[in-house]
C-alpha atoms as a PDB file:
ATOM      1  CA  MET A   1     102.203 110.346  96.012  1.00  0.00           C
ATOM      2  CA  GLN A   2     103.534 107.473  98.213  1.00  0.00           C
ATOM      3  CA  THR A   3     104.362 104.025  96.256  1.00  0.00           C
ATOM      4  CA  THR A   4     106.309 102.194  98.841  1.00  0.00           C
ATOM      5  CA  GLN A   5     104.561  98.522  97.918  1.00  0.00           C
ATOM      6  CA  LEU A   6     104.679  99.428  94.196  1.00  0.00           C
ATOM      7  CA  GLN A   7     108.311  99.952  94.665  1.00  0.00           C
ATOM      8  CA  GLU A   8     108.942  97.368  96.918  1.00  0.00           C
ATOM      9  CA  TYR A   9     106.722  94.930  94.343  1.00  0.00           C
ATOM     10  CA  VAL A  10     108.921  96.227  91.313  1.00  0.00           C
ATOM     11  CA  THR A  11     112.172  95.561  93.395  1.00  0.00           C
ATOM     12  CA  SER A  12     111.495  92.142  94.531  1.00  0.00           C
ATOM     13  CA  ARG A  13     110.441  91.264  90.723  1.00  0.00           C
ATOM     14  CA  ASN A  14     113.370  92.388  89.544  1.00  0.00           C
ATOM     15  CA  LYS A  15     115.648  89.960  91.443  1.00  0.00           C
ATOM     16  CA  TRP A  16     114.137  87.307  90.874  1.00  0.00           C
ATOM     17  CA  GLN A  17     114.188  88.102  86.997  1.00  0.00           C
ATOM     18  CA  ALA A  18     118.246  88.907  87.422  1.00  0.00           C
ATOM     19  CA  MET A  19     117.604  85.186  88.092  1.00  0.00           C
ATOM     20  CA  PHE A  20     117.013  84.037  84.561  1.00  0.00           C
ATOM     21  CA  GLY A  21     118.969  86.471  82.620  1.00  0.00           C
ATOM     22  CA  THR A  22     115.712  89.196  82.309  1.00  0.00           C
ATOM     23  CA  ALA A  23     115.961  93.235  82.138  1.00  0.00           C
ATOM     24  CA  PRO A  24     114.401  95.118  84.902  1.00  0.00           C
ATOM     25  CA  LEU A  25     111.674  96.638  85.036  1.00  0.00           C
ATOM     26  CA  CYS A  26     111.432 100.417  85.513  1.00  0.00           C
ATOM     27  CA  LEU A  27     108.705 102.637  86.590  1.00  0.00           C
ATOM     28  CA  SER A  28     109.393 105.297  84.662  1.00  0.00           C
ATOM     29  CA  ASN A  29     108.575 103.398  81.085  1.00  0.00           C
ATOM     30  CA  ALA A  30     105.663 102.877  80.154  1.00  0.00           C
ATOM     31  CA  GLU A  31     105.813  99.548  78.314  1.00  0.00           C
ATOM     32  CA  ASP A  32     107.374  98.383  81.904  1.00  0.00           C
ATOM     33  CA  ARG A  33     104.080  99.999  83.549  1.00  0.00           C
ATOM     34  CA  LYS A  34     102.010  97.400  81.636  1.00  0.00           C
ATOM     35  CA  LYS A  35     104.196  94.600  82.589  1.00  0.00           C
ATOM     36  CA  ILE A  36     103.938  95.176  85.876  1.00  0.00           C
ATOM     37  CA  ALA A  37     100.275  95.809  85.904  1.00  0.00           C
ATOM     38  CA  ALA A  38      99.887  92.198  84.016  1.00  0.00           C
ATOM     39  CA  ALA A  39     102.928  90.468  86.681  1.00  0.00           C
ATOM     40  CA  ILE A  40     100.365  91.793  89.570  1.00  0.00           C
ATOM     41  CA  ASP A  41      97.259  91.233  87.675  1.00  0.00           C
ATOM     42  CA  SER A  42      98.670  87.484  87.846  1.00  0.00           C
ATOM     43  CA  ASP A  43      99.946  87.848  91.206  1.00  0.00           C
ATOM     44  CA  LEU A  44      96.103  88.743  92.401  1.00  0.00           C
ATOM     45  CA  SER A  45      94.850  85.652  90.922  1.00  0.00           C
ATOM     46  CA  PRO A  46      93.175  83.017  93.837  1.00  0.00           C
ATOM     47  CA  GLU A  47      95.944  80.361  92.051  1.00  0.00           C
ATOM     48  CA  ASN A  48      98.903  82.413  92.767  1.00  0.00           C
ATOM     49  CA  LEU A  49      97.542  84.350  95.950  1.00  0.00           C
ATOM     50  CA  SER A  50      97.233  81.510  97.683  1.00  0.00           C
ATOM     51  CA  CYS A  51     100.514  79.715  95.858  1.00  0.00           C
ATOM     52  CA  ASP A  52      97.995  76.809  95.191  1.00  0.00           C
ATOM     53  CA  GLY A  53      96.608  76.337  98.422  1.00  0.00           C
ATOM     54  CA  GLU A  54      99.936  76.652 100.334  1.00  0.00           C
ATOM     55  CA  LEU A  55      99.660  79.303 102.215  1.00  0.00           C
ATOM     56  CA  ASN A  56      97.352  80.216 105.268  1.00  0.00           C
ATOM     57  CA  ARG A  57      94.810  82.530 105.320  1.00  0.00           C
ATOM     58  CA  PRO A  58      96.792  85.084 107.263  1.00  0.00           C
ATOM     59  CA  GLN A  59      99.387  84.750 105.219  1.00  0.00           C
ATOM     60  CA  ILE A  60      96.955  85.442 101.645  1.00  0.00           C
ATOM     61  CA  VAL A  61      95.475  88.270 103.400  1.00  0.00           C
ATOM     62  CA  LYS A  62      98.790  89.979 103.757  1.00  0.00           C
ATOM     63  CA  LYS A  63      99.957  89.272 100.442  1.00  0.00           C
ATOM     64  CA  LEU A  64      96.411  90.384  99.184  1.00  0.00           C
ATOM     65  CA  LYS A  65      96.810  93.832 100.884  1.00  0.00           C
ATOM     66  CA  HIS A  66     100.369  94.097  99.809  1.00  0.00           C
ATOM     67  CA  LEU A  67      99.817  93.203  96.255  1.00  0.00           C
ATOM     68  CA  GLN A  68      96.376  95.693  95.979  1.00  0.00           C
ATOM     69  CA  ARG A  69      98.461  98.458  97.569  1.00  0.00           C
ATOM     70  CA  ALA A  70     100.850  97.881  94.839  1.00  0.00           C
ATOM     71  CA  ALA A  71      98.263  97.997  91.776  1.00  0.00           C
ATOM     72  CA  ILE A  72      96.443 100.836  93.505  1.00  0.00           C
ATOM     73  CA  GLN A  73      99.420 103.299  93.478  1.00  0.00           C
ATOM     74  CA  LEU A  74     100.246 101.692  89.630  1.00  0.00           C
ATOM     75  CA  LEU A  75      96.807 103.130  89.010  1.00  0.00           C
ATOM     76  CA  ASP A  76      97.529 106.386  90.577  1.00  0.00           C
ATOM     77  CA  MET A  77     100.605 106.915  88.743  1.00  0.00           C
ATOM     78  CA  ASP A  78      99.523 105.704  84.967  1.00  0.00           C
ATOM     79  CA  ASP A  79      95.849 105.703  84.536  1.00  0.00           C
ATOM     80  CA  THR A  80      96.255 103.565  81.467  1.00  0.00           C
ATOM     81  CA  VAL A  81      97.436 100.230  82.800  1.00  0.00           C
ATOM     82  CA  THR A  82      94.669  97.868  83.322  1.00  0.00           C
ATOM     83  CA  ILE A  83      94.476  95.338  86.642  1.00  0.00           C
ATOM     84  CA  TYR A  84      91.817  92.925  86.214  1.00  0.00           C
ATOM     85  CA  GLU A  85      91.507  91.053  89.373  1.00  0.00           C
ATOM     86  CA  LEU A  86      92.008  94.658  91.198  1.00  0.00           C
ATOM     87  CA  GLY A  87      88.088  94.287  90.695  1.00  0.00           C
END
């Protein structure tokens, strides 16, 4: 199973969290996978996806595809998590 986009997403998320002194997320931890799913779900919301309208259409499509792949990879890894925005 390939998890490239998911690993990239978690690495990026952990870099942001480190700036605020938050513990890093780990894919091997079930509770962290739920947090990752919630974060992806939030990032897939229209407002966050478009950065409140600041991104142009090609940027939104690129971001959407990356998040969708990461979401699918997470769901393949753990079918107990929920990502509502995946539709």
